C-alpha atoms as a PDB file:
ATOM      1  CA  MET A   1       4.455 -35.828  67.815  1.00  0.00           C
ATOM      2  CA  THR A   2       2.506 -35.031  64.642  1.00  0.00           C
ATOM      3  CA  PRO A   3      -0.418 -32.672  65.298  1.00  0.00           C
ATOM      4  CA  PRO A   4      -3.848 -34.304  64.808  1.00  0.00           C
ATOM      5  CA  ASP A   5      -4.785 -31.951  61.954  1.00  0.00           C
ATOM      6  CA  ALA A   6      -1.571 -32.514  59.980  1.00  0.00           C
ATOM      7  CA  ALA A   7      -2.936 -35.251  57.725  1.00  0.00           C
ATOM      8  CA  PRO A   8      -6.090 -33.382  56.573  1.00  0.00           C
ATOM      9  CA  GLN A   9      -4.043 -30.225  55.975  1.00  0.00           C
ATOM     10  CA  THR A  10      -1.500 -32.131  53.913  1.00  0.00           C
ATOM     11  CA  ALA A  11      -4.262 -33.792  51.918  1.00  0.00           C
ATOM     12  CA  ALA A  12      -5.878 -30.450  51.189  1.00  0.00           C
ATOM     13  CA  THR A  13      -2.542 -29.006  50.162  1.00  0.00           C
ATOM     14  CA  ASN A  14      -1.918 -31.968  47.904  1.00  0.00           C
ATOM     15  CA  ARG A  15      -5.351 -31.597  46.309  1.00  0.00           C
ATOM     16  CA  ARG A  16      -4.697 -27.921  45.591  1.00  0.00           C
ATOM     17  CA  ALA A  17      -1.283 -28.717  44.165  1.00  0.00           C
ATOM     18  CA  PHE A  18      -2.759 -31.472  42.008  1.00  0.00           C
ATOM     19  CA  MET A  19      -5.445 -29.160  40.646  1.00  0.00           C
ATOM     20  CA  ARG A  20      -2.870 -26.478  40.006  1.00  0.00           C
ATOM     21  CA  TYR A  21      -0.553 -28.741  38.064  1.00  0.00           C
ATOM     22  CA  ALA A  22      -3.419 -30.392  36.198  1.00  0.00           C
ATOM     23  CA  ALA A  23      -4.647 -27.003  35.026  1.00  0.00           C
ATOM     24  CA  MET A  24      -1.155 -25.943  34.041  1.00  0.00           C
ATOM     25  CA  ILE A  25      -0.441 -29.163  32.147  1.00  0.00           C
ATOM     26  CA  GLY A  26      -3.758 -29.009  30.319  1.00  0.00           C
ATOM     27  CA  VAL A  27      -3.428 -25.400  29.265  1.00  0.00           C
ATOM     28  CA  GLY A  28       0.274 -25.675  28.532  1.00  0.00           C
ATOM     29  CA  SER A  29      -0.065 -28.722  26.315  1.00  0.00           C
ATOM     30  CA  GLN A  30      -2.886 -27.105  24.353  1.00  0.00           C
ATOM     31  CA  ALA A  31      -0.891 -23.895  23.937  1.00  0.00           C
ATOM     32  CA  LEU A  32       2.181 -25.803  22.791  1.00  0.00           C
ATOM     33  CA  TRP A  33       0.100 -27.776  20.303  1.00  0.00           C
ATOM     34  CA  HIS A  34      -1.446 -24.647  18.798  1.00  0.00           C
ATOM     35  CA  THR A  35       1.483 -22.240  18.889  1.00  0.00           C
ATOM     36  CA  ARG A  36       4.607 -24.476  18.861  1.00  0.00           C
ATOM     37  CA  SER A  37       6.121 -21.946  21.280  1.00  0.00           C
ATOM     38  CA  LEU A  38       7.561 -23.520  24.428  1.00  0.00           C
ATOM     39  CA  HIS A  39       8.106 -20.114  26.092  1.00  0.00           C
ATOM     40  CA  GLY A  40       4.551 -19.053  25.323  1.00  0.00           C
ATOM     41  CA  ALA A  41       3.133 -22.380  26.462  1.00  0.00           C
ATOM     42  CA  ILE A  42       4.940 -22.135  29.807  1.00  0.00           C
ATOM     43  CA  ALA A  43       3.726 -18.559  30.332  1.00  0.00           C
ATOM     44  CA  GLU A  44       0.153 -19.490  29.495  1.00  0.00           C
ATOM     45  CA  ALA A  45       0.291 -22.540  31.736  1.00  0.00           C
ATOM     46  CA  GLN A  46       1.591 -20.529  34.690  1.00  0.00           C
ATOM     47  CA  ASP A  47      -1.171 -18.004  34.153  1.00  0.00           C
ATOM     48  CA  ALA A  48      -3.769 -20.778  34.316  1.00  0.00           C
ATOM     49  CA  ALA A  49      -2.811 -21.718  37.870  1.00  0.00           C
ATOM     50  CA  PRO A  50      -5.657 -21.040  40.337  1.00  0.00           C
ATOM     51  CA  GLU A  51      -3.574 -18.604  42.387  1.00  0.00           C
ATOM     52  CA  ALA A  52      -2.335 -16.642  39.359  1.00  0.00           C
ATOM     53  CA  PRO A  53      -3.275 -12.941  39.595  1.00  0.00           C
ATOM     54  CA  PRO A  54      -6.078 -11.858  37.253  1.00  0.00           C
ATOM     55  CA  TRP A  55      -5.419  -9.681  34.231  1.00  0.00           C
ATOM     56  CA  PRO A  56      -6.367  -6.025  34.765  1.00  0.00           C
ATOM     57  CA  ALA A  57      -9.436  -4.657  33.016  1.00  0.00           C
ATOM     58  CA  MET A  58      -8.590  -3.107  29.656  1.00  0.00           C
ATOM     59  CA  ALA A  59      -8.840   0.682  29.393  1.00  0.00           C
ATOM     60  CA  TYR A  60     -10.500   2.365  26.401  1.00  0.00           C
ATOM     61  CA  ARG A  61     -10.205   5.669  24.578  1.00  0.00           C
ATOM     62  CA  LYS A  62     -12.405   7.306  21.934  1.00  0.00           C
ATOM     63  CA  LEU A  63     -10.395   7.074  18.728  1.00  0.00           C
ATOM     64  CA  GLY A  64     -10.699  10.593  17.346  1.00  0.00           C
ATOM     65  CA  ARG A  65     -13.624  11.331  15.088  1.00  0.00           C
ATOM     66  CA  THR A  66     -14.024   7.637  14.255  1.00  0.00           C
ATOM     67  CA  GLY A  67     -16.100   7.614  17.435  1.00  0.00           C
ATOM     68  CA  PHE A  68     -14.908   4.102  18.187  1.00  0.00           C
ATOM     69  CA  ASP A  69     -14.247   3.235  21.822  1.00  0.00           C
ATOM     70  CA  ALA A  70     -10.886   1.556  21.295  1.00  0.00           C
ATOM     71  CA  SER A  71      -8.826  -0.623  23.589  1.00  0.00           C
ATOM     72  CA  ARG A  72      -5.640   1.260  24.422  1.00  0.00           C
ATOM     73  CA  LEU A  73      -3.698  -1.729  23.153  1.00  0.00           C
ATOM     74  CA  VAL A  74      -3.879  -2.393  19.417  1.00  0.00           C
ATOM     75  CA  PHE A  75      -2.974  -5.924  18.396  1.00  0.00           C
ATOM     76  CA  GLY A  76      -0.335  -5.611  15.660  1.00  0.00           C
ATOM     77  CA  CYS A  77      -0.853  -8.660  13.441  1.00  0.00           C
ATOM     78  CA  GLY A  78       1.555  -7.956  10.575  1.00  0.00           C
ATOM     79  CA  ALA A  79       4.682  -9.750  11.753  1.00  0.00           C
ATOM     80  CA  ALA A  80       2.792 -12.066  14.092  1.00  0.00           C
ATOM     81  CA  LEU A  81       0.751 -13.615  11.274  1.00  0.00           C
ATOM     82  CA  SER A  82       3.089 -13.182   8.329  1.00  0.00           C
ATOM     83  CA  ARG A  83       3.967 -16.893   8.170  1.00  0.00           C
ATOM     84  CA  LYS A  84       1.155 -18.747   9.913  1.00  0.00           C
ATOM     85  CA  PRO A  85      -2.181 -18.198  11.659  1.00  0.00           C
ATOM     86  CA  ASN A  86      -2.365 -17.786  15.419  1.00  0.00           C
ATOM     87  CA  ASP A  87      -6.080 -17.774  16.152  1.00  0.00           C
ATOM     88  CA  ARG A  88      -5.509 -18.864  19.746  1.00  0.00           C
ATOM     89  CA  LEU A  89      -3.615 -15.655  20.521  1.00  0.00           C
ATOM     90  CA  LEU A  90      -6.100 -13.455  18.657  1.00  0.00           C
ATOM     91  CA  GLU A  91      -9.042 -15.096  20.437  1.00  0.00           C
ATOM     92  CA  LEU A  92      -7.416 -14.608  23.829  1.00  0.00           C
ATOM     93  CA  ALA A  93      -6.722 -10.933  23.147  1.00  0.00           C
ATOM     94  CA  LEU A  94     -10.336 -10.383  22.072  1.00  0.00           C
ATOM     95  CA  GLU A  95     -11.643 -12.295  25.089  1.00  0.00           C
ATOM     96  CA  ARG A  96      -9.582 -10.091  27.422  1.00  0.00           C
ATOM     97  CA  GLY A  97     -10.879  -6.875  25.841  1.00  0.00           C
ATOM     98  CA  VAL A  98      -8.622  -5.948  22.909  1.00  0.00           C
ATOM     99  CA  ASN A  99     -10.932  -4.750  20.138  1.00  0.00           C
ATOM    100  CA  VAL A 100      -8.585  -3.107  17.580  1.00  0.00           C
ATOM    101  CA  PHE A 101      -6.556  -5.307  15.236  1.00  0.00           C
ATOM    102  CA  ASP A 102      -4.020  -3.903  12.778  1.00  0.00           C
ATOM    103  CA  VAL A 103      -2.558  -5.811   9.830  1.00  0.00           C
ATOM    104  CA  GLY A 104      -1.051  -4.943   6.429  1.00  0.00           C
ATOM    105  CA  PHE A 105      -0.873  -5.833   2.770  1.00  0.00           C
ATOM    106  CA  ARG A 106       0.839  -8.939   1.418  1.00  0.00           C
ATOM    107  CA  ARG A 107       3.733  -7.299  -0.423  1.00  0.00           C
ATOM    108  CA  TYR A 108       5.146  -6.249   2.934  1.00  0.00           C
ATOM    109  CA  TYR A 109       3.560  -8.561   5.516  1.00  0.00           C
ATOM    110  CA  GLY A 110       3.491 -11.838   3.606  1.00  0.00           C
ATOM    111  CA  ASP A 111       0.422 -13.941   4.404  1.00  0.00           C
ATOM    112  CA  ALA A 112      -0.676 -11.938   7.446  1.00  0.00           C
ATOM    113  CA  GLU A 113      -4.030 -10.850   5.998  1.00  0.00           C
ATOM    114  CA  ARG A 114      -4.811 -14.348   4.732  1.00  0.00           C
ATOM    115  CA  ASN A 115      -3.844 -15.816   8.091  1.00  0.00           C
ATOM    116  CA  MET A 116      -6.278 -13.483   9.807  1.00  0.00           C
ATOM    117  CA  ALA A 117      -9.248 -14.459   7.632  1.00  0.00           C
ATOM    118  CA  GLY A 118     -10.411 -17.365   9.814  1.00  0.00           C
ATOM    119  CA  PHE A 119     -10.496 -15.195  12.936  1.00  0.00           C
ATOM    120  CA  LEU A 120     -12.393 -12.474  11.083  1.00  0.00           C
ATOM    121  CA  LYS A 121     -14.940 -14.946   9.757  1.00  0.00           C
ATOM    122  CA  ARG A 122     -15.972 -15.529  13.355  1.00  0.00           C
ATOM    123  CA  HIS A 123     -15.474 -12.040  14.795  1.00  0.00           C
ATOM    124  CA  ARG A 124     -15.647  -9.410  12.057  1.00  0.00           C
ATOM    125  CA  ASP A 125     -18.472  -7.557  13.821  1.00  0.00           C
ATOM    126  CA  ASP A 126     -16.613  -7.599  17.151  1.00  0.00           C
ATOM    127  CA  VAL A 127     -13.453  -5.737  16.155  1.00  0.00           C
ATOM    128  CA  TYR A 128     -12.201  -2.510  14.619  1.00  0.00           C
ATOM    129  CA  LEU A 129     -10.142  -3.720  11.658  1.00  0.00           C
ATOM    130  CA  ILE A 130      -7.238  -1.703  10.225  1.00  0.00           C
ATOM    131  CA  SER A 131      -5.039  -2.557   7.273  1.00  0.00           C
ATOM    132  CA  LYS A 132      -2.606  -0.541   5.172  1.00  0.00           C
ATOM    133  CA  ALA A 133      -0.462  -0.400   2.051  1.00  0.00           C
ATOM    134  CA  LEU A 134       2.414   1.504   0.518  1.00  0.00           C
ATOM    135  CA  THR A 135       1.670   3.760  -2.431  1.00  0.00           C
ATOM    136  CA  TYR A 136       5.102   3.249  -4.040  1.00  0.00           C
ATOM    137  CA  VAL A 137       5.672   6.887  -4.947  1.00  0.00           C
ATOM    138  CA  ASP A 138       9.351   7.337  -5.838  1.00  0.00           C
ATOM    139  CA  ILE A 139       9.864  10.784  -4.389  1.00  0.00           C
ATOM    140  CA  ASP A 140      12.174  12.539  -1.945  1.00  0.00           C
ATOM    141  CA  PRO A 141      10.520  13.175   1.439  1.00  0.00           C
ATOM    142  CA  ASN A 142      10.494  16.937   0.919  1.00  0.00           C
ATOM    143  CA  ALA A 143       9.873  17.109  -2.844  1.00  0.00           C
ATOM    144  CA  GLU A 144       6.563  18.150  -4.395  1.00  0.00           C
ATOM    145  CA  VAL A 145       4.497  15.321  -5.823  1.00  0.00           C
ATOM    146  CA  THR A 146       3.466  15.701  -9.471  1.00  0.00           C
ATOM    147  CA  PRO A 147      -0.148  15.196 -10.576  1.00  0.00           C
ATOM    148  CA  GLU A 148       0.788  12.015 -12.449  1.00  0.00           C
ATOM    149  CA  GLN A 149       2.628  10.607  -9.419  1.00  0.00           C
ATOM    150  CA  ALA A 150      -0.383  11.377  -7.258  1.00  0.00           C
ATOM    151  CA  ARG A 151      -2.756   9.687  -9.721  1.00  0.00           C
ATOM    152  CA  GLN A 152      -0.551   6.602  -9.835  1.00  0.00           C
ATOM    153  CA  ALA A 153      -0.357   6.554  -6.046  1.00  0.00           C
ATOM    154  CA  ALA A 154      -4.155   6.688  -5.873  1.00  0.00           C
ATOM    155  CA  ARG A 155      -4.473   3.785  -8.320  1.00  0.00           C
ATOM    156  CA  THR A 156      -1.968   1.738  -6.320  1.00  0.00           C
ATOM    157  CA  TRP A 157      -3.684   2.481  -3.008  1.00  0.00           C
ATOM    158  CA  THR A 158      -7.024   1.368  -4.475  1.00  0.00           C
ATOM    159  CA  GLU A 159      -5.552  -1.828  -5.906  1.00  0.00           C
ATOM    160  CA  MET A 160      -3.899  -2.672  -2.608  1.00  0.00           C
ATOM    161  CA  LEU A 161      -7.143  -2.069  -0.714  1.00  0.00           C
ATOM    162  CA  ASP A 162      -8.977  -4.464  -3.020  1.00  0.00           C
ATOM    163  CA  ASP A 163      -6.229  -7.066  -2.564  1.00  0.00           C
ATOM    164  CA  SER A 164      -6.434  -6.666   1.202  1.00  0.00           C
ATOM    165  CA  LEU A 165     -10.191  -7.174   1.227  1.00  0.00           C
ATOM    166  CA  ARG A 166      -9.807 -10.386  -0.779  1.00  0.00           C
ATOM    167  CA  ASP A 167      -7.031 -11.720   1.430  1.00  0.00           C
ATOM    168  CA  LEU A 168      -8.868 -10.847   4.630  1.00  0.00           C
ATOM    169  CA  GLY A 169     -12.057 -12.437   3.304  1.00  0.00           C
ATOM    170  CA  VAL A 170     -14.136  -9.346   4.120  1.00  0.00           C
ATOM    171  CA  GLU A 171     -16.022  -6.715   2.178  1.00  0.00           C
ATOM    172  CA  HIS A 172     -15.118  -3.805   4.427  1.00  0.00           C
ATOM    173  CA  VAL A 173     -12.309  -2.588   6.678  1.00  0.00           C
ATOM    174  CA  ASP A 174     -12.842   0.089   9.288  1.00  0.00           C
ATOM    175  CA  ALA A 175      -9.692   1.986   8.324  1.00  0.00           C
ATOM    176  CA  TYR A 176      -7.062   1.724   5.599  1.00  0.00           C
ATOM    177  CA  TYR A 177      -3.801   3.617   5.935  1.00  0.00           C
ATOM    178  CA  GLN A 178      -1.441   5.206   3.500  1.00  0.00           C
ATOM    179  CA  MET A 179       1.471   3.201   4.881  1.00  0.00           C
ATOM    180  CA  GLY A 180       5.035   4.388   5.448  1.00  0.00           C
ATOM    181  CA  ALA A 181       4.204   7.954   4.419  1.00  0.00           C
ATOM    182  CA  ASN A 182       7.171  10.335   4.451  1.00  0.00           C
ATOM    183  CA  ASN A 183       6.183  13.084   2.005  1.00  0.00           C
ATOM    184  CA  PRO A 184       3.739  15.794   3.119  1.00  0.00           C
ATOM    185  CA  SER A 185       2.650  16.635  -0.438  1.00  0.00           C
ATOM    186  CA  VAL A 186       1.649  13.004  -1.066  1.00  0.00           C
ATOM    187  CA  VAL A 187      -0.286  12.982   2.195  1.00  0.00           C
ATOM    188  CA  ALA A 188      -2.088  16.143   1.058  1.00  0.00           C
ATOM    189  CA  ALA A 189      -2.707  14.906  -2.503  1.00  0.00           C
ATOM    190  CA  GLU A 190      -6.342  15.326  -3.522  1.00  0.00           C
ATOM    191  CA  GLU A 191      -6.031  12.355  -5.881  1.00  0.00           C
ATOM    192  CA  LEU A 192      -5.401   9.991  -2.975  1.00  0.00           C
ATOM    193  CA  TYR A 193      -8.195  11.464  -0.934  1.00  0.00           C
ATOM    194  CA  GLY A 194     -10.473  11.048  -3.927  1.00  0.00           C
ATOM    195  CA  ALA A 195      -9.533   7.371  -4.065  1.00  0.00           C
ATOM    196  CA  PHE A 196     -10.474   7.017  -0.409  1.00  0.00           C
ATOM    197  CA  GLN A 197     -13.813   8.776  -0.948  1.00  0.00           C
ATOM    198  CA  ALA A 198     -14.626   6.449  -3.853  1.00  0.00           C
ATOM    199  CA  ALA A 199     -13.756   3.403  -1.743  1.00  0.00           C
ATOM    200  CA  LYS A 200     -15.852   4.704   1.137  1.00  0.00           C
ATOM    201  CA  GLN A 201     -18.815   5.303  -1.139  1.00  0.00           C
ATOM    202  CA  ALA A 202     -18.452   1.733  -2.407  1.00  0.00           C
ATOM    203  CA  GLY A 203     -18.651   0.450   1.170  1.00  0.00           C
ATOM    204  CA  LYS A 204     -15.072  -0.817   1.282  1.00  0.00           C
ATOM    205  CA  VAL A 205     -13.681   1.411   4.036  1.00  0.00           C
ATOM    206  CA  SER A 206     -14.957   3.881   6.628  1.00  0.00           C
ATOM    207  CA  HIS A 207     -11.910   5.847   7.788  1.00  0.00           C
ATOM    208  CA  TYR A 208      -8.772   7.233   6.163  1.00  0.00           C
ATOM    209  CA  GLY A 209      -5.448   6.899   7.936  1.00  0.00           C
ATOM    210  CA  VAL A 210      -1.735   7.453   7.583  1.00  0.00           C
ATOM    211  CA  SER A 211       1.240   5.686   9.150  1.00  0.00           C
ATOM    212  CA  THR A 212       4.676   7.285   9.284  1.00  0.00           C
ATOM    213  CA  HIS A 213       8.110   6.600  10.728  1.00  0.00           C
ATOM    214  CA  GLU A 214      10.124   9.058   8.610  1.00  0.00           C
ATOM    215  CA  ASN A 215       9.653  12.827   8.409  1.00  0.00           C
ATOM    216  CA  ALA A 216       6.853  12.165  10.861  1.00  0.00           C
ATOM    217  CA  ALA A 217       6.450  15.684  12.256  1.00  0.00           C
ATOM    218  CA  LYS A 218       5.789  17.160   8.810  1.00  0.00           C
ATOM    219  CA  VAL A 219       3.622  14.226   7.751  1.00  0.00           C
ATOM    220  CA  LEU A 220       1.450  14.540  10.847  1.00  0.00           C
ATOM    221  CA  ASP A 221       1.020  18.278  10.334  1.00  0.00           C
ATOM    222  CA  ALA A 222       0.062  17.725   6.691  1.00  0.00           C
ATOM    223  CA  ALA A 223      -2.504  15.111   7.686  1.00  0.00           C
ATOM    224  CA  VAL A 224      -4.022  17.423  10.289  1.00  0.00           C
ATOM    225  CA  ASP A 225      -4.036  20.447   7.984  1.00  0.00           C
ATOM    226  CA  SER A 226      -5.819  18.518   5.232  1.00  0.00           C
ATOM    227  CA  GLY A 227      -8.763  17.727   7.481  1.00  0.00           C
ATOM    228  CA  TRP A 228      -9.107  14.344   5.734  1.00  0.00           C
ATOM    229  CA  TYR A 229      -7.471  11.890   8.080  1.00  0.00           C
ATOM    230  CA  ASP A 230      -9.222  10.157  10.943  1.00  0.00           C
ATOM    231  CA  LEU A 231      -6.180   8.231  12.196  1.00  0.00           C
ATOM    232  CA  ALA A 232      -2.417   8.693  12.281  1.00  0.00           C
ATOM    233  CA  MET A 233      -0.026   5.969  13.389  1.00  0.00           C
ATOM    234  CA  ILE A 234       3.288   7.543  14.327  1.00  0.00           C
ATOM    235  CA  ALA A 235       6.674   6.120  15.309  1.00  0.00           C
ATOM    236  CA  ILE A 236       7.311   7.798  18.630  1.00  0.00           C
ATOM    237  CA  THR A 237       9.050   7.035  21.932  1.00  0.00           C
ATOM    238  CA  PRO A 238       9.381   8.708  25.341  1.00  0.00           C
ATOM    239  CA  ALA A 239      12.530  10.364  23.921  1.00  0.00           C
ATOM    240  CA  GLY A 240      10.748  11.712  20.826  1.00  0.00           C
ATOM    241  CA  TRP A 241      10.488  10.627  17.197  1.00  0.00           C
ATOM    242  CA  TYR A 242      11.844   7.219  16.200  1.00  0.00           C
ATOM    243  CA  ASP A 243      14.026   7.123  13.073  1.00  0.00           C
ATOM    244  CA  TRP A 244      13.220   4.012  11.021  1.00  0.00           C
ATOM    245  CA  GLU A 245      16.275   4.385   8.792  1.00  0.00           C
ATOM    246  CA  ALA A 246      18.763   4.767  11.649  1.00  0.00           C
ATOM    247  CA  LYS A 247      16.873   2.338  13.924  1.00  0.00           C
ATOM    248  CA  ASP A 248      17.410   4.897  16.661  1.00  0.00           C
ATOM    249  CA  ILE A 249      15.926   8.041  18.140  1.00  0.00           C
ATOM    250  CA  LEU A 250      15.761  10.734  15.467  1.00  0.00           C
ATOM    251  CA  ALA A 251      18.728  13.069  15.755  1.00  0.00           C
ATOM    252  CA  SER A 252      17.824  16.379  17.412  1.00  0.00           C
ATOM    253  CA  THR A 253      14.250  15.302  18.070  1.00  0.00           C
ATOM    254  CA  PRO A 254      12.357  17.120  20.811  1.00  0.00           C
ATOM    255  CA  SER A 255      11.362  14.837  23.656  1.00  0.00           C
ATOM    256  CA  MET A 256       7.818  13.542  23.739  1.00  0.00           C
ATOM    257  CA  THR A 257       6.974  16.107  26.392  1.00  0.00           C
ATOM    258  CA  ALA A 258       8.097  18.884  24.033  1.00  0.00           C
ATOM    259  CA  LEU A 259       6.077  17.296  21.205  1.00  0.00           C
ATOM    260  CA  ARG A 260       2.895  17.353  23.269  1.00  0.00           C
ATOM    261  CA  PRO A 261       1.465  20.551  21.692  1.00  0.00           C
ATOM    262  CA  GLN A 262       1.706  19.011  18.212  1.00  0.00           C
ATOM    263  CA  LEU A 263       0.070  15.806  19.410  1.00  0.00           C
ATOM    264  CA  ASP A 264      -2.681  17.712  21.206  1.00  0.00           C
ATOM    265  CA  ARG A 265      -3.340  19.763  18.073  1.00  0.00           C
ATOM    266  CA  ALA A 266      -3.845  16.559  16.075  1.00  0.00           C
ATOM    267  CA  ARG A 267      -6.182  15.074  18.639  1.00  0.00           C
ATOM    268  CA  GLU A 268      -8.141  18.326  18.947  1.00  0.00           C
ATOM    269  CA  ALA A 269      -8.614  18.187  15.175  1.00  0.00           C
ATOM    270  CA  GLY A 270     -10.246  14.782  15.556  1.00  0.00           C
ATOM    271  CA  VAL A 271      -7.285  12.641  14.504  1.00  0.00           C
ATOM    272  CA  GLY A 272      -6.916   9.509  16.606  1.00  0.00           C
ATOM    273  CA  LEU A 273      -3.246   8.972  17.459  1.00  0.00           C
ATOM    274  CA  VAL A 274      -1.773   5.481  17.402  1.00  0.00           C
ATOM    275  CA  GLY A 275       1.793   4.924  18.617  1.00  0.00           C
ATOM    276  CA  MET A 276       4.178   2.426  17.084  1.00  0.00           C
ATOM    277  CA  LYS A 277       7.868   1.505  17.487  1.00  0.00           C
ATOM    278  CA  VAL A 278       7.514   2.747  21.071  1.00  0.00           C
ATOM    279  CA  GLY A 279       9.876   0.227  22.620  1.00  0.00           C
ATOM    280  CA  ARG A 280      11.869  -0.824  19.555  1.00  0.00           C
ATOM    281  CA  LEU A 281      15.050   0.859  20.784  1.00  0.00           C
ATOM    282  CA  LEU A 282      14.879  -1.152  24.004  1.00  0.00           C
ATOM    283  CA  ALA A 283      15.060  -4.412  22.087  1.00  0.00           C
ATOM    284  CA  GLY A 284      17.329  -3.289  19.286  1.00  0.00           C
ATOM    285  CA  SER A 285      17.066  -4.708  15.765  1.00  0.00           C
ATOM    286  CA  GLY A 286      18.284  -7.775  13.988  1.00  0.00           C
ATOM    287  CA  TRP A 287      18.835 -11.205  15.476  1.00  0.00           C
ATOM    288  CA  LEU A 288      21.496  -9.977  17.896  1.00  0.00           C
ATOM    289  CA  GLY A 289      19.181  -7.386  19.436  1.00  0.00           C
ATOM    290  CA  ARG A 290      21.712  -5.090  21.147  1.00  0.00           C
ATOM    291  CA  GLY A 291      19.052  -2.807  22.521  1.00  0.00           C
ATOM    292  CA  ASP A 292      19.429  -0.253  25.286  1.00  0.00           C
ATOM    293  CA  ALA A 293      16.955  -1.239  27.996  1.00  0.00           C
ATOM    294  CA  LYS A 294      17.528   2.012  29.924  1.00  0.00           C
ATOM    295  CA  ALA A 295      17.369   4.383  26.945  1.00  0.00           C
ATOM    296  CA  PHE A 296      14.292   6.238  28.221  1.00  0.00           C
ATOM    297  CA  ASP A 297      14.840   6.224  31.968  1.00  0.00           C
ATOM    298  CA  LYS A 298      15.924   9.866  32.129  1.00  0.00           C
ATOM    299  CA  HIS A 299      12.509  10.891  30.823  1.00  0.00           C
ATOM    300  CA  TYR A 300      10.576   9.216  33.644  1.00  0.00           C
ATOM    301  CA  ASP A 301       9.669  10.653  37.008  1.00  0.00           C
ATOM    302  CA  GLY A 302      10.230   8.827  40.274  1.00  0.00           C
ATOM    303  CA  GLY A 303       6.714   7.401  40.355  1.00  0.00           C
ATOM    304  CA  LEU A 304       7.013   5.714  36.996  1.00  0.00           C
ATOM    305  CA  MET A 305      10.543   4.523  37.709  1.00  0.00           C
ATOM    306  CA  SER A 306       9.395   2.848  40.921  1.00  0.00           C
ATOM    307  CA  ALA A 307       6.271   1.328  39.335  1.00  0.00           C
ATOM    308  CA  PRO A 308       6.139  -2.492  39.112  1.00  0.00           C
ATOM    309  CA  LEU A 309       6.676  -2.437  35.344  1.00  0.00           C
ATOM    310  CA  THR A 310       9.258  -3.808  32.943  1.00  0.00           C
ATOM    311  CA  ASP A 311      11.258  -1.432  30.754  1.00  0.00           C
ATOM    312  CA  PHE A 312       8.927  -2.133  27.842  1.00  0.00           C
ATOM    313  CA  GLN A 313       5.796  -1.661  29.919  1.00  0.00           C
ATOM    314  CA  ARG A 314       7.149   1.607  31.278  1.00  0.00           C
ATOM    315  CA  SER A 315       7.680   2.999  27.758  1.00  0.00           C
ATOM    316  CA  TYR A 316       4.130   2.051  26.743  1.00  0.00           C
ATOM    317  CA  ALA A 317       2.585   3.557  29.853  1.00  0.00           C
ATOM    318  CA  TYR A 318       4.537   6.776  29.340  1.00  0.00           C
ATOM    319  CA  VAL A 319       3.497   7.427  25.728  1.00  0.00           C
ATOM    320  CA  LEU A 320      -0.115   6.592  26.483  1.00  0.00           C
ATOM    321  CA  GLU A 321      -0.178   9.235  29.189  1.00  0.00           C
ATOM    322  CA  HIS A 322       1.696  11.853  27.157  1.00  0.00           C
ATOM    323  CA  GLY A 323      -0.500  12.389  24.126  1.00  0.00           C
ATOM    324  CA  LEU A 324      -1.369   9.105  22.424  1.00  0.00           C
ATOM    325  CA  ASP A 325      -4.784   7.507  22.331  1.00  0.00           C
ATOM    326  CA  VAL A 326      -3.632   3.923  21.806  1.00  0.00           C
ATOM    327  CA  VAL A 327      -0.434   2.013  21.102  1.00  0.00           C
ATOM    328  CA  ASN A 328       0.134  -0.632  18.438  1.00  0.00           C
ATOM    329  CA  ALA A 329       2.218  -3.564  19.659  1.00  0.00           C
ATOM    330  CA  ASP A 330       3.725  -6.322  17.540  1.00  0.00           C
ATOM    331  CA  ILE A 331       2.374  -9.277  19.522  1.00  0.00           C
ATOM    332  CA  GLN A 332       3.888 -12.646  18.662  1.00  0.00           C
ATOM    333  CA  SER A 333       3.487 -14.611  21.880  1.00  0.00           C
ATOM    334  CA  TYR A 334       1.322 -15.051  24.942  1.00  0.00           C
ATOM    335  CA  ALA A 335       3.939 -13.480  27.221  1.00  0.00           C
ATOM    336  CA  ILE A 336       4.223 -10.382  25.027  1.00  0.00           C
ATOM    337  CA  LEU A 337       0.449 -10.055  24.865  1.00  0.00           C
ATOM    338  CA  LYS A 338       0.141 -10.236  28.635  1.00  0.00           C
ATOM    339  CA  ASP A 339       2.904  -7.687  29.279  1.00  0.00           C
ATOM    340  CA  ASN A 340       1.675  -5.188  26.696  1.00  0.00           C
ATOM    341  CA  PHE A 341      -1.917  -5.657  27.823  1.00  0.00           C
ATOM    342  CA  ALA A 342      -1.014  -4.858  31.423  1.00  0.00           C
ATOM    343  CA  ALA A 343       0.882  -1.718  30.405  1.00  0.00           C
ATOM    344  CA  ALA A 344      -1.970  -0.373  28.284  1.00  0.00           C
ATOM    345  CA  ALA A 345      -4.632  -1.277  30.835  1.00  0.00           C
ATOM    346  CA  THR A 346      -2.875   0.367  33.784  1.00  0.00           C
ATOM    347  CA  ALA A 347      -1.089   3.340  32.140  1.00  0.00           C
ATOM    348  CA  HIS A 348      -3.566   5.790  33.671  1.00  0.00           C
ATOM    349  CA  GLN A 349      -2.384   4.766  37.134  1.00  0.00           C
ATOM    350  CA  TYR A 350       1.014   6.324  36.407  1.00  0.00           C
ATOM    351  CA  ALA A 351      -0.169   9.610  34.914  1.00  0.00           C
ATOM    352  CA  VAL A 352       1.704  12.746  35.995  1.00  0.00           C
END
C-alpha cells in the first residue's frame, strides 16, 4: 500500500526538481548565448542549481608597496579577450571578488585591450588594472644594453603605453609592465625608469612592473636591486623556474622551496610577486596538449596530495603558499574561472 504522505512528498520533490531545471536552463541558455561555449554554459548552469555548493570567499594579499589589497587570483585577459569581448565572464569574476585584471598590448594580444574597454567603462574604479608591452630591444639576455638601445626602448615603452590607454578607453592604468624582460641591464636602465616617471607625472600610470619568463632569476634580482619596481610577474612552478623557450621546467632550476629566499627578498623590498605559467606544464602546449598532469606531485606533502583539488588547483595553491602574493591565470571559460578561483581562495588552508 502507498503511504499516505507519498503524494505530497513526490509533489514537493517534483517542484524542487522543476525549479532546479528551470534555473539551470535559464542560466545555461543565457551563458550559451553570450559566450558560445557549450562546456562553459553547462558548467554555469550546473552551478546555478539551488543545491550547488557556494563559491568560497576570495582571499586577499597586500600587493607589495602598491598598498593595494589584491585578490589572490588575477584575471589574465590577454588570450581570453584577444578575439572577442567576454563581459559576462569579467562581470562574474568581479562579482565574486576578483579585483585585479591583467591584459596586454595589441601587437601581442590582438584586440584584448579594446575588448576590455566596455567592462572598464562600467568598472574602472572597481579594479586594479595592469597592462604591459615589449620594448623590442634586440639584445642577448646577458649582454650590456647601450645608451641608444635604452633610449629607444624607453620611447617604445612610452608609445605602447599610450596605445594601450587609447585601446582600453582609459586615461590611467594602475601598473604597466616591461613585458617579456630577459636582460638585467635593460631592466636596470635609467632611461626606461625615466620614461615611467614621466608617464606617472602625467597621470598615465601609478606603478612600474616587469614580467619575465626567461633569465628570470637575474631579471628579478635586477628589478629588486634597482629599487624602482613595484611588481614582478614571474614564470614559476612548484618545480622552479619555467622555461618559455623550452616550454618546460628550466634545466637545473632549484625547486620553488629552494627559491624561497630570493622570493622573500623581493617581497621584503616591497615588490609584489605575481606568478604566471604556474600550471602550463600540466596542460602542455599546442593543440595536442601532451602535458604531464603529475609533473609536480613529488614536490607536495601528503596533506596537499590528499586535498580535494585538481592537479591545476594543487599547483596554484602550492605557489601561493610558497612565496607568491597572487597568481595570474589565463581564464577563458566559466569552468576555468571557478577552478582557479577556488584554488586561490582556499590556498591558505593547505599551507605547510
